[in-house]
Amino acid sequence: VQLVESGGGLVQAGGALRISCAASGSTFSIRTMGWYRQGPGKQRELVAIIISSGSTNYADSVKGRFTISRDNATNTVYLQMNNLKPEDTDVYYCRAQVVLTNYWGQGTQVTVSS
């Protein structure tokens, strides 16, 4: 499974951004996809996940602001980020879980200016 993220960039506080993750390869075997983020000197943390049934889960810090969605036809997962805050600034990584194996994308930078 290969993952390619896109859509990151610079946005002002209060703005919105949508990032995408396109999966290729053995996509039929993907069970869960998710977004994580990591800043310098920090551990990678969960932002949102979506399982094959469509159920979702979010970090408390983004609930009500971020929405994860999945297009099974194109094997793409999206993260719509609204009302962005400077503390949302991080590199965002896409993850796909296949049984016990995790695949990661290369990351996309999201920067929120105050």
PDB file of N, CA and C in Angstrom:
ATOM      1  N   VAL A   1       0.849  -1.187   0.000  1.00  0.00           N
ATOM      2  CA  VAL A   1       0.000   0.000   0.000  1.00  0.00           C
ATOM      3  C   VAL A   1       0.886   1.239   0.000  1.00  0.00           C
ATOM      4  N   GLN A   2       0.590   2.143  -0.911  1.00  0.00           N
ATOM      5  CA  GLN A   2       1.315   3.413  -0.974  1.00  0.00           C
ATOM      6  C   GLN A   2       0.319   4.553  -0.704  1.00  0.00           C
ATOM      7  N   LEU A   3       0.784   5.526   0.051  1.00  0.00           N
ATOM      8  CA  LEU A   3      -0.059   6.659   0.431  1.00  0.00           C
ATOM      9  C   LEU A   3       0.612   7.959   0.010  1.00  0.00           C
ATOM     10  N   VAL A   4      -0.148   8.840  -0.615  1.00  0.00           N
ATOM     11  CA  VAL A   4       0.374  10.137  -1.028  1.00  0.00           C
ATOM     12  C   VAL A   4      -0.568  11.223  -0.533  1.00  0.00           C
ATOM     13  N   GLU A   5      -0.045  12.079   0.345  1.00  0.00           N
ATOM     14  CA  GLU A   5      -0.842  13.179   0.873  1.00  0.00           C
ATOM     15  C   GLU A   5      -0.670  14.417   0.001  1.00  0.00           C
ATOM     16  N   SER A   6      -1.681  15.270   0.049  1.00  0.00           N
ATOM     17  CA  SER A   6      -1.611  16.549  -0.653  1.00  0.00           C
ATOM     18  C   SER A   6      -2.570  17.526   0.001  1.00  0.00           C
ATOM     19  N   GLY A   7      -2.386  18.812  -0.327  1.00  0.00           N
ATOM     20  CA  GLY A   7      -3.329  19.820   0.126  1.00  0.00           C
ATOM     21  C   GLY A   7      -2.890  20.650   1.298  1.00  0.00           C
ATOM     22  N   GLY A   8      -1.731  20.388   1.860  1.00  0.00           N
ATOM     23  CA  GLY A   8      -1.266  21.206   2.970  1.00  0.00           C
ATOM     24  C   GLY A   8      -0.907  22.606   2.501  1.00  0.00           C
ATOM     25  N   GLY A   9      -0.624  23.482   3.462  1.00  0.00           N
ATOM     26  CA  GLY A   9      -0.239  24.834   3.099  1.00  0.00           C
ATOM     27  C   GLY A   9      -0.334  25.777   4.267  1.00  0.00           C
ATOM     28  N   LEU A  10      -0.341  27.059   3.938  1.00  0.00           N
ATOM     29  CA  LEU A  10      -0.397  28.121   4.937  1.00  0.00           C
ATOM     30  C   LEU A  10      -1.781  28.748   4.933  1.00  0.00           C
ATOM     31  N   VAL A  11      -2.334  28.916   6.126  1.00  0.00           N
ATOM     32  CA  VAL A  11      -3.666  29.502   6.248  1.00  0.00           C
ATOM     33  C   VAL A  11      -3.697  30.354   7.507  1.00  0.00           C
ATOM     34  N   GLN A  12      -4.542  31.367   7.502  1.00  0.00           N
ATOM     35  CA  GLN A  12      -4.675  32.201   8.689  1.00  0.00           C
ATOM     36  C   GLN A  12      -5.577  31.533   9.719  1.00  0.00           C
ATOM     37  N   ALA A  13      -5.383  31.896  10.959  1.00  0.00           N
ATOM     38  CA  ALA A  13      -6.237  31.379  12.033  1.00  0.00           C
ATOM     39  C   ALA A  13      -7.698  31.681  11.713  1.00  0.00           C
ATOM     40  N   GLY A  14      -8.543  30.691  11.961  1.00  0.00           N
ATOM     41  CA  GLY A  14      -9.955  30.819  11.636  1.00  0.00           C
ATOM     42  C   GLY A  14     -10.301  30.333  10.249  1.00  0.00           C
ATOM     43  N   GLY A  15      -9.293  30.064   9.451  1.00  0.00           N
ATOM     44  CA  GLY A  15      -9.507  29.611   8.083  1.00  0.00           C
ATOM     45  C   GLY A  15      -9.724  28.112   7.999  1.00  0.00           C
ATOM     46  N   ALA A  16      -9.809  27.638   6.767  1.00  0.00           N
ATOM     47  CA  ALA A  16     -10.084  26.219   6.515  1.00  0.00           C
ATOM     48  C   ALA A  16      -9.110  25.666   5.489  1.00  0.00           C
ATOM     49  N   LEU A  17      -8.930  24.370   5.558  1.00  0.00           N
ATOM     50  CA  LEU A  17      -8.027  23.674   4.640  1.00  0.00           C
ATOM     51  C   LEU A  17      -8.509  22.236   4.536  1.00  0.00           C
ATOM     52  N   ARG A  18      -8.354  21.651   3.365  1.00  0.00           N
ATOM     53  CA  ARG A  18      -8.656  20.236   3.212  1.00  0.00           C
ATOM     54  C   ARG A  18      -7.424  19.526   2.692  1.00  0.00           C
ATOM     55  N   ILE A  19      -7.051  18.466   3.372  1.00  0.00           N
ATOM     56  CA  ILE A  19      -5.923  17.654   2.927  1.00  0.00           C
ATOM     57  C   ILE A  19      -6.443  16.288   2.499  1.00  0.00           C
ATOM     58  N   SER A  20      -5.719  15.693   1.561  1.00  0.00           N
ATOM     59  CA  SER A  20      -6.147  14.436   0.966  1.00  0.00           C
ATOM     60  C   SER A  20      -5.046  13.400   1.051  1.00  0.00           C
ATOM     61  N   CYS A  21      -5.456  12.141   1.027  1.00  0.00           N
ATOM     62  CA  CYS A  21      -4.507  11.030   1.030  1.00  0.00           C
ATOM     63  C   CYS A  21      -5.022   9.983   0.054  1.00  0.00           C
ATOM     64  N   ALA A  22      -4.263   9.775  -1.001  1.00  0.00           N
ATOM     65  CA  ALA A  22      -4.647   8.799  -2.011  1.00  0.00           C
ATOM     66  C   ALA A  22      -3.878   7.508  -1.793  1.00  0.00           C
ATOM     67  N   ALA A  23      -4.597   6.408  -1.704  1.00  0.00           N
ATOM     68  CA  ALA A  23      -3.981   5.101  -1.489  1.00  0.00           C
ATOM     69  C   ALA A  23      -3.928   4.326  -2.801  1.00  0.00           C
ATOM     70  N   SER A  24      -2.875   3.582  -2.973  1.00  0.00           N
ATOM     71  CA  SER A  24      -2.742   2.720  -4.142  1.00  0.00           C
ATOM     72  C   SER A  24      -2.115   1.404  -3.703  1.00  0.00           C
ATOM     73  N   GLY A  25      -2.179   0.424  -4.581  1.00  0.00           N
ATOM     74  CA  GLY A  25      -1.668  -0.894  -4.235  1.00  0.00           C
ATOM     75  C   GLY A  25      -2.802  -1.790  -3.771  1.00  0.00           C
ATOM     76  N   SER A  26      -2.570  -2.548  -2.727  1.00  0.00           N
ATOM     77  CA  SER A  26      -3.562  -3.500  -2.221  1.00  0.00           C
ATOM     78  C   SER A  26      -4.593  -2.793  -1.351  1.00  0.00           C
ATOM     79  N   THR A  27      -5.322  -1.882  -1.956  1.00  0.00           N
ATOM     80  CA  THR A  27      -6.246  -1.050  -1.187  1.00  0.00           C
ATOM     81  C   THR A  27      -7.439  -1.836  -0.665  1.00  0.00           C
ATOM     82  N   PHE A  28      -7.747  -2.979  -1.283  1.00  0.00           N
ATOM     83  CA  PHE A  28      -8.889  -3.771  -0.831  1.00  0.00           C
ATOM     84  C   PHE A  28      -8.677  -4.283   0.579  1.00  0.00           C
ATOM     85  N   SER A  29      -7.427  -4.340   1.013  1.00  0.00           N
ATOM     86  CA  SER A  29      -7.102  -4.903   2.322  1.00  0.00           C
ATOM     87  C   SER A  29      -7.064  -3.856   3.437  1.00  0.00           C
ATOM     88  N   ILE A  30      -7.289  -2.597   3.070  1.00  0.00           N
ATOM     89  CA  ILE A  30      -7.219  -1.537   4.078  1.00  0.00           C
ATOM     90  C   ILE A  30      -8.457  -1.581   4.950  1.00  0.00           C
ATOM     91  N   ARG A  31      -8.269  -1.602   6.261  1.00  0.00           N
ATOM     92  CA  ARG A  31      -9.387  -1.615   7.192  1.00  0.00           C
ATOM     93  C   ARG A  31      -9.640  -0.235   7.788  1.00  0.00           C
ATOM     94  N   THR A  32      -8.592   0.389   8.240  1.00  0.00           N
ATOM     95  CA  THR A  32      -8.720   1.694   8.888  1.00  0.00           C
ATOM     96  C   THR A  32      -7.762   2.678   8.233  1.00  0.00           C
ATOM     97  N   MET A  33      -8.247   3.885   8.054  1.00  0.00           N
ATOM     98  CA  MET A  33      -7.372   4.964   7.594  1.00  0.00           C
ATOM     99  C   MET A  33      -7.503   6.121   8.570  1.00  0.00           C
ATOM    100  N   GLY A  34      -6.438   6.853   8.688  1.00  0.00           N
ATOM    101  CA  GLY A  34      -6.481   7.933   9.657  1.00  0.00           C
ATOM    102  C   GLY A  34      -5.472   9.020   9.373  1.00  0.00           C
ATOM    103  N   TRP A  35      -5.629  10.102  10.106  1.00  0.00           N
ATOM    104  CA  TRP A  35      -4.709  11.221  10.055  1.00  0.00           C
ATOM    105  C   TRP A  35      -4.054  11.403  11.414  1.00  0.00           C
ATOM    106  N   TYR A  36      -2.767  11.618  11.383  1.00  0.00           N
ATOM    107  CA  TYR A  36      -1.983  11.895  12.574  1.00  0.00           C
ATOM    108  C   TYR A  36      -1.187  13.163  12.311  1.00  0.00           C
ATOM    109  N   ARG A  37      -0.682  13.765  13.370  1.00  0.00           N
ATOM    110  CA  ARG A  37       0.156  14.939  13.193  1.00  0.00           C
ATOM    111  C   ARG A  37       1.315  14.910  14.167  1.00  0.00           C
ATOM    112  N   GLN A  38       2.374  15.586  13.769  1.00  0.00           N
ATOM    113  CA  GLN A  38       3.585  15.587  14.587  1.00  0.00           C
ATOM    114  C   GLN A  38       4.324  16.890  14.365  1.00  0.00           C
ATOM    115  N   GLY A  39       4.712  17.508  15.474  1.00  0.00           N
ATOM    116  CA  GLY A  39       5.511  18.713  15.408  1.00  0.00           C
ATOM    117  C   GLY A  39       6.916  18.433  15.897  1.00  0.00           C
ATOM    118  N   PRO A  40       7.818  19.383  15.745  1.00  0.00           N
ATOM    119  CA  PRO A  40       9.217  19.191  16.176  1.00  0.00           C
ATOM    120  C   PRO A  40       9.301  18.846  17.655  1.00  0.00           C
ATOM    121  N   GLY A  41       9.984  17.766  17.961  1.00  0.00           N
ATOM    122  CA  GLY A  41      10.168  17.365  19.344  1.00  0.00           C
ATOM    123  C   GLY A  41       8.944  16.789  20.013  1.00  0.00           C
ATOM    124  N   LYS A  42       7.900  16.560  19.260  1.00  0.00           N
ATOM    125  CA  LYS A  42       6.668  16.012  19.836  1.00  0.00           C
ATOM    126  C   LYS A  42       6.413  14.616  19.281  1.00  0.00           C
ATOM    127  N   GLN A  43       5.615  13.851  20.027  1.00  0.00           N
ATOM    128  CA  GLN A  43       5.215  12.534  19.542  1.00  0.00           C
ATOM    129  C   GLN A  43       4.106  12.683  18.510  1.00  0.00           C
ATOM    130  N   ARG A  44       4.064  11.727  17.617  1.00  0.00           N
ATOM    131  CA  ARG A  44       2.982  11.719  16.627  1.00  0.00           C
ATOM    132  C   ARG A  44       1.674  11.412  17.355  1.00  0.00           C
ATOM    133  N   GLU A  45       0.650  12.194  17.054  1.00  0.00           N
ATOM    134  CA  GLU A  45      -0.617  12.013  17.755  1.00  0.00           C
ATOM    135  C   GLU A  45      -1.765  11.818  16.779  1.00  0.00           C
ATOM    136  N   LEU A  46      -2.761  11.088  17.260  1.00  0.00           N
ATOM    137  CA  LEU A  46      -3.947  10.842  16.458  1.00  0.00           C
ATOM    138  C   LEU A  46      -4.747  12.125  16.281  1.00  0.00           C
ATOM    139  N   VAL A  47      -5.225  12.331  15.058  1.00  0.00           N
ATOM    140  CA  VAL A  47      -6.145  13.427  14.783  1.00  0.00           C
ATOM    141  C   VAL A  47      -7.538  12.865  14.542  1.00  0.00           C
ATOM    142  N   ALA A  48      -7.647  11.919  13.609  1.00  0.00           N
ATOM    143  CA  ALA A  48      -8.941  11.330  13.286  1.00  0.00           C
ATOM    144  C   ALA A  48      -8.726  10.013  12.560  1.00  0.00           C
ATOM    145  N   ILE A  49      -9.640   9.083  12.758  1.00  0.00           N
ATOM    146  CA  ILE A  49      -9.584   7.822  12.032  1.00  0.00           C
ATOM    147  C   ILE A  49     -10.977   7.494  11.497  1.00  0.00           C
ATOM    148  N   ILE A  50     -10.991   6.686  10.460  1.00  0.00           N
ATOM    149  CA  ILE A  50     -12.244   6.212   9.874  1.00  0.00           C
ATOM    150  C   ILE A  50     -12.044   4.753   9.489  1.00  0.00           C
ATOM    151  N   ILE A  51     -12.990   3.912   9.900  1.00  0.00           N
ATOM    152  CA  ILE A  51     -12.868   2.504   9.562  1.00  0.00           C
ATOM    153  C   ILE A  51     -13.727   2.193   8.336  1.00  0.00           C
ATOM    154  N   SER A  52     -13.611   0.988   7.851  1.00  0.00           N
ATOM    155  CA  SER A  52     -14.254   0.624   6.591  1.00  0.00           C
ATOM    156  C   SER A  52     -15.777   0.777   6.643  1.00  0.00           C
ATOM    157  N   SER A  53     -16.357   0.657   7.833  1.00  0.00           N
ATOM    158  CA  SER A  53     -17.804   0.803   7.976  1.00  0.00           C
ATOM    159  C   SER A  53     -18.247   2.261   7.893  1.00  0.00           C
ATOM    160  N   GLY A  54     -17.296   3.161   8.035  1.00  0.00           N
ATOM    161  CA  GLY A  54     -17.620   4.584   8.021  1.00  0.00           C
ATOM    162  C   GLY A  54     -17.594   5.229   9.388  1.00  0.00           C
ATOM    163  N   SER A  55     -17.450   4.448  10.435  1.00  0.00           N
ATOM    164  CA  SER A  55     -17.365   5.005  11.783  1.00  0.00           C
ATOM    165  C   SER A  55     -16.104   5.832  11.923  1.00  0.00           C
ATOM    166  N   THR A  56     -16.209   6.897  12.698  1.00  0.00           N
ATOM    167  CA  THR A  56     -15.089   7.814  12.857  1.00  0.00           C
ATOM    168  C   THR A  56     -14.781   8.056  14.327  1.00  0.00           C
ATOM    169  N   ASN A  57     -13.573   8.538  14.563  1.00  0.00           N
ATOM    170  CA  ASN A  57     -13.171   8.903  15.912  1.00  0.00           C
ATOM    171  C   ASN A  57     -12.211  10.078  15.791  1.00  0.00           C
ATOM    172  N   TYR A  58     -12.303  11.014  16.731  1.00  0.00           N
ATOM    173  CA  TYR A  58     -11.502  12.234  16.669  1.00  0.00           C
ATOM    174  C   TYR A  58     -10.793  12.513  17.980  1.00  0.00           C
ATOM    175  N   ALA A  59      -9.666  13.180  17.878  1.00  0.00           N
ATOM    176  CA  ALA A  59      -9.018  13.697  19.077  1.00  0.00           C
ATOM    177  C   ALA A  59      -9.900  14.811  19.647  1.00  0.00           C
ATOM    178  N   ASP A  60      -9.904  14.931  20.967  1.00  0.00           N
ATOM    179  CA  ASP A  60     -10.743  15.945  21.600  1.00  0.00           C
ATOM    180  C   ASP A  60     -10.423  17.346  21.090  1.00  0.00           C
ATOM    181  N   SER A  61      -9.167  17.581  20.787  1.00  0.00           N
ATOM    182  CA  SER A  61      -8.735  18.923  20.386  1.00  0.00           C
ATOM    183  C   SER A  61      -9.290  19.360  19.032  1.00  0.00           C
ATOM    184  N   VAL A  62      -9.784  18.418  18.240  1.00  0.00           N
ATOM    185  CA  VAL A  62     -10.274  18.777  16.909  1.00  0.00           C
ATOM    186  C   VAL A  62     -11.760  18.505  16.718  1.00  0.00           C
ATOM    187  N   LYS A  63     -12.400  17.923  17.711  1.00  0.00           N
ATOM    188  CA  LYS A  63     -13.823  17.618  17.601  1.00  0.00           C
ATOM    189  C   LYS A  63     -14.624  18.887  17.330  1.00  0.00           C
ATOM    190  N   GLY A  64     -15.537  18.789  16.383  1.00  0.00           N
ATOM    191  CA  GLY A  64     -16.357  19.942  16.020  1.00  0.00           C
ATOM    192  C   GLY A  64     -15.711  20.853  14.997  1.00  0.00           C
ATOM    193  N   ARG A  65     -14.420  20.666  14.748  1.00  0.00           N
ATOM    194  CA  ARG A  65     -13.722  21.505  13.772  1.00  0.00           C
ATOM    195  C   ARG A  65     -13.247  20.716  12.556  1.00  0.00           C
ATOM    196  N   PHE A  66     -12.822  19.481  12.769  1.00  0.00           N
ATOM    197  CA  PHE A  66     -12.279  18.655  11.690  1.00  0.00           C
ATOM    198  C   PHE A  66     -13.279  17.549  11.340  1.00  0.00           C
ATOM    199  N   THR A  67     -13.282  17.170  10.076  1.00  0.00           N
ATOM    200  CA  THR A  67     -14.122  16.072   9.617  1.00  0.00           C
ATOM    201  C   THR A  67     -13.309  15.168   8.708  1.00  0.00           C
ATOM    202  N   ILE A  68     -13.288  13.887   9.040  1.00  0.00           N
ATOM    203  CA  ILE A  68     -12.610  12.904   8.201  1.00  0.00           C
ATOM    204  C   ILE A  68     -13.660  12.204   7.341  1.00  0.00           C
ATOM    205  N   SER A  69     -13.304  11.951   6.095  1.00  0.00           N
ATOM    206  CA  SER A  69     -14.214  11.247   5.200  1.00  0.00           C
ATOM    207  C   SER A  69     -13.400  10.358   4.271  1.00  0.00           C
ATOM    208  N   ARG A  70     -14.086   9.429   3.659  1.00  0.00           N
ATOM    209  CA  ARG A  70     -13.388   8.425   2.853  1.00  0.00           C
ATOM    210  C   ARG A  70     -14.189   8.154   1.593  1.00  0.00           C
ATOM    211  N   ASP A  71     -13.535   8.184   0.459  1.00  0.00           N
ATOM    212  CA  ASP A  71     -14.142   7.835  -0.820  1.00  0.00           C
ATOM    213  C   ASP A  71     -13.613   6.472  -1.225  1.00  0.00           C
ATOM    214  N   ASN A  72     -14.397   5.441  -1.022  1.00  0.00           N
ATOM    215  CA  ASN A  72     -13.932   4.086  -1.311  1.00  0.00           C
ATOM    216  C   ASN A  72     -13.735   3.854  -2.805  1.00  0.00           C
ATOM    217  N   ALA A  73     -14.436   4.603  -3.628  1.00  0.00           N
ATOM    218  CA  ALA A  73     -14.303   4.414  -5.077  1.00  0.00           C
ATOM    219  C   ALA A  73     -12.927   4.841  -5.579  1.00  0.00           C
ATOM    220  N   THR A  74     -12.368   5.860  -4.941  1.00  0.00           N
ATOM    221  CA  THR A  74     -11.058   6.361  -5.369  1.00  0.00           C
ATOM    222  C   THR A  74      -9.966   6.067  -4.356  1.00  0.00           C
ATOM    223  N   ASN A  75     -10.336   5.368  -3.275  1.00  0.00           N
ATOM    224  CA  ASN A  75      -9.366   5.023  -2.229  1.00  0.00           C
ATOM    225  C   ASN A  75      -8.666   6.263  -1.684  1.00  0.00           C
ATOM    226  N   THR A  76      -9.464   7.267  -1.421  1.00  0.00           N
ATOM    227  CA  THR A  76      -8.932   8.529  -0.929  1.00  0.00           C
ATOM    228  C   THR A  76      -9.609   8.887   0.390  1.00  0.00           C
ATOM    229  N   VAL A  77      -8.811   9.352   1.321  1.00  0.00           N
ATOM    230  CA  VAL A  77      -9.344   9.834   2.592  1.00  0.00           C
ATOM    231  C   VAL A  77      -9.038  11.325   2.695  1.00  0.00           C
ATOM    232  N   TYR A  78      -9.999  12.060   3.209  1.00  0.00           N
ATOM    233  CA  TYR A  78      -9.887  13.506   3.314  1.00  0.00           C
ATOM    234  C   TYR A  78      -9.958  13.945   4.773  1.00  0.00           C
ATOM    235  N   LEU A  79      -9.363  15.077   5.038  1.00  0.00           N
ATOM    236  CA  LEU A  79      -9.525  15.717   6.341  1.00  0.00           C
ATOM    237  C   LEU A  79      -9.873  17.174   6.089  1.00  0.00           C
ATOM    238  N   GLN A  80     -11.125  17.510   6.365  1.00  0.00           N
ATOM    239  CA  GLN A  80     -11.570  18.887   6.251  1.00  0.00           C
ATOM    240  C   GLN A  80     -11.327  19.564   7.588  1.00  0.00           C
ATOM    241  N   MET A  81     -10.548  20.625   7.574  1.00  0.00           N
ATOM    242  CA  MET A  81     -10.162  21.309   8.804  1.00  0.00           C
ATOM    243  C   MET A  81     -10.723  22.726   8.771  1.00  0.00           C
ATOM    244  N   ASN A  82     -11.620  22.999   9.683  1.00  0.00           N
ATOM    245  CA  ASN A  82     -12.248  24.315   9.775  1.00  0.00           C
ATOM    246  C   ASN A  82     -11.835  25.004  11.075  1.00  0.00           C
ATOM    247  N   ASN A  83     -12.002  26.309  11.090  1.00  0.00           N
ATOM    248  CA  ASN A  83     -11.668  27.094  12.280  1.00  0.00           C
ATOM    249  C   ASN A  83     -10.272  26.726  12.805  1.00  0.00           C
ATOM    250  N   LEU A  84      -9.315  26.758  11.919  1.00  0.00           N
ATOM    251  CA  LEU A  84      -7.960  26.353  12.276  1.00  0.00           C
ATOM    252  C   LEU A  84      -7.328  27.304  13.278  1.00  0.00           C
ATOM    253  N   LYS A  85      -6.499  26.732  14.142  1.00  0.00           N
ATOM    254  CA  LYS A  85      -5.815  27.489  15.181  1.00  0.00           C
ATOM    255  C   LYS A  85      -4.304  27.345  14.994  1.00  0.00           C
ATOM    256  N   PRO A  86      -3.540  28.297  15.493  1.00  0.00           N
ATOM    257  CA  PRO A  86      -2.071  28.180  15.370  1.00  0.00           C
ATOM    258  C   PRO A  86      -1.529  26.867  15.935  1.00  0.00           C
ATOM    259  N   GLU A  87      -2.168  26.357  16.979  1.00  0.00           N
ATOM    260  CA  GLU A  87      -1.689  25.103  17.569  1.00  0.00           C
ATOM    261  C   GLU A  87      -1.976  23.881  16.693  1.00  0.00           C
ATOM    262  N   ASP A  88      -2.699  24.068  15.603  1.00  0.00           N
ATOM    263  CA  ASP A  88      -2.898  22.986  14.639  1.00  0.00           C
ATOM    264  C   ASP A  88      -1.710  22.859  13.679  1.00  0.00           C
ATOM    265  N   THR A  89      -0.776  23.769  13.768  1.00  0.00           N
ATOM    266  CA  THR A  89       0.406  23.736  12.906  1.00  0.00           C
ATOM    267  C   THR A  89       1.230  22.489  13.191  1.00  0.00           C
ATOM    268  N   ASP A  90       1.426  21.674  12.178  1.00  0.00           N
ATOM    269  CA  ASP A  90       2.152  20.418  12.308  1.00  0.00           C
ATOM    270  C   ASP A  90       2.338  19.813  10.916  1.00  0.00           C
ATOM    271  N   VAL A  91       3.092  18.733  10.885  1.00  0.00           N
ATOM    272  CA  VAL A  91       3.100  17.889   9.691  1.00  0.00           C
ATOM    273  C   VAL A  91       2.019  16.827   9.887  1.00  0.00           C
ATOM    274  N   TYR A  92       1.147  16.700   8.905  1.00  0.00           N
ATOM    275  CA  TYR A  92       0.045  15.757   8.992  1.00  0.00           C
ATOM    276  C   TYR A  92       0.366  14.521   8.145  1.00  0.00           C
ATOM    277  N   TYR A  93       0.202  13.368   8.779  1.00  0.00           N
ATOM    278  CA  TYR A  93       0.525  12.097   8.133  1.00  0.00           C
ATOM    279  C   TYR A  93      -0.737  11.245   7.980  1.00  0.00           C
ATOM    280  N   CYS A  94      -0.817  10.591   6.859  1.00  0.00           N
ATOM    281  CA  CYS A  94      -1.895   9.642   6.599  1.00  0.00           C
ATOM    282  C   CYS A  94      -1.418   8.242   6.974  1.00  0.00           C
ATOM    283  N   ARG A  95      -2.290   7.462   7.564  1.00  0.00           N
ATOM    284  CA  ARG A  95      -1.967   6.086   7.923  1.00  0.00           C
ATOM    285  C   ARG A  95      -3.049   5.160   7.415  1.00  0.00           C
ATOM    286  N   ALA A  96      -2.618   4.000   6.905  1.00  0.00           N
ATOM    287  CA  ALA A  96      -3.545   2.941   6.501  1.00  0.00           C
ATOM    288  C   ALA A  96      -3.164   1.673   7.255  1.00  0.00           C
ATOM    289  N   GLN A  97      -4.176   1.045   7.826  1.00  0.00           N
ATOM    290  CA  GLN A  97      -3.928  -0.187   8.585  1.00  0.00           C
ATOM    291  C   GLN A  97      -4.407  -1.384   7.778  1.00  0.00           C
ATOM    292  N   VAL A  98      -3.512  -2.347   7.588  1.00  0.00           N
ATOM    293  CA  VAL A  98      -3.827  -3.593   6.901  1.00  0.00           C
ATOM    294  C   VAL A  98      -3.486  -4.710   7.871  1.00  0.00           C
ATOM    295  N   VAL A  99      -4.524  -5.291   8.488  1.00  0.00           N
ATOM    296  CA  VAL A  99      -4.365  -6.306   9.531  1.00  0.00           C
ATOM    297  C   VAL A  99      -3.464  -5.711  10.619  1.00  0.00           C
ATOM    298  N   LEU A 100      -2.252  -6.198  10.767  1.00  0.00           N
ATOM    299  CA  LEU A 100      -1.376  -5.703  11.826  1.00  0.00           C
ATOM    300  C   LEU A 100      -0.278  -4.791  11.300  1.00  0.00           C
ATOM    301  N   THR A 101      -0.353  -4.401  10.036  1.00  0.00           N
ATOM    302  CA  THR A 101       0.684  -3.575   9.434  1.00  0.00           C
ATOM    303  C   THR A 101       0.151  -2.169   9.188  1.00  0.00           C
ATOM    304  N   ASN A 102       0.964  -1.193   9.568  1.00  0.00           N
ATOM    305  CA  ASN A 102       0.619   0.205   9.321  1.00  0.00           C
ATOM    306  C   ASN A 102       1.473   0.771   8.193  1.00  0.00           C
ATOM    307  N   TYR A 103       0.838   1.473   7.292  1.00  0.00           N
ATOM    308  CA  TYR A 103       1.529   2.167   6.210  1.00  0.00           C
ATOM    309  C   TYR A 103       1.349   3.662   6.422  1.00  0.00           C
ATOM    310  N   TRP A 104       2.413   4.413   6.118  1.00  0.00           N
ATOM    311  CA  TRP A 104       2.393   5.854   6.348  1.00  0.00           C
ATOM    312  C   TRP A 104       2.724   6.607   5.067  1.00  0.00           C
ATOM    313  N   GLY A 105       2.105   7.765   4.929  1.00  0.00           N
ATOM    314  CA  GLY A 105       2.476   8.657   3.847  1.00  0.00           C
ATOM    315  C   GLY A 105       3.686   9.484   4.245  1.00  0.00           C
ATOM    316  N   GLN A 106       4.093  10.361   3.337  1.00  0.00           N
ATOM    317  CA  GLN A 106       5.298  11.153   3.562  1.00  0.00           C
ATOM    318  C   GLN A 106       5.027  12.404   4.396  1.00  0.00           C
ATOM    319  N   GLY A 107       3.773  12.744   4.580  1.00  0.00           N
ATOM    320  CA  GLY A 107       3.413  13.908   5.388  1.00  0.00           C
ATOM    321  C   GLY A 107       3.188  15.150   4.558  1.00  0.00           C
ATOM    322  N   THR A 108       2.321  16.008   5.055  1.00  0.00           N
ATOM    323  CA  THR A 108       2.070  17.296   4.412  1.00  0.00           C
ATOM    324  C   THR A 108       2.021  18.372   5.496  1.00  0.00           C
ATOM    325  N   GLN A 109       2.711  19.476   5.254  1.00  0.00           N
ATOM    326  CA  GLN A 109       2.826  20.528   6.249  1.00  0.00           C
ATOM    327  C   GLN A 109       1.580  21.401   6.249  1.00  0.00           C
ATOM    328  N   VAL A 110       1.042  21.622   7.443  1.00  0.00           N
ATOM    329  CA  VAL A 110      -0.055  22.574   7.647  1.00  0.00           C
ATOM    330  C   VAL A 110       0.446  23.639   8.606  1.00  0.00           C
ATOM    331  N   THR A 111       0.392  24.876   8.171  1.00  0.00           N
ATOM    332  CA  THR A 111       0.846  25.987   8.996  1.00  0.00           C
ATOM    333  C   THR A 111      -0.285  26.993   9.150  1.00  0.00           C
ATOM    334  N   VAL A 112      -0.605  27.311  10.398  1.00  0.00           N
ATOM    335  CA  VAL A 112      -1.681  28.254  10.691  1.00  0.00           C
ATOM    336  C   VAL A 112      -1.063  29.484  11.342  1.00  0.00           C
ATOM    337  N   SER A 113      -1.225  30.616  10.693  1.00  0.00           N
ATOM    338  CA  SER A 113      -0.645  31.857  11.222  1.00  0.00           C
ATOM    339  C   SER A 113      -1.679  32.584  12.083  1.00  0.00           C
ATOM    340  N   SER A 114      -1.173  33.256  13.091  1.00  0.00           N
ATOM    341  CA  SER A 114      -2.073  33.972  14.022  1.00  0.00           C
ATOM    342  C   SER A 114      -2.331  35.399  13.563  1.00  0.00           C
TER     343      SER A 114
END
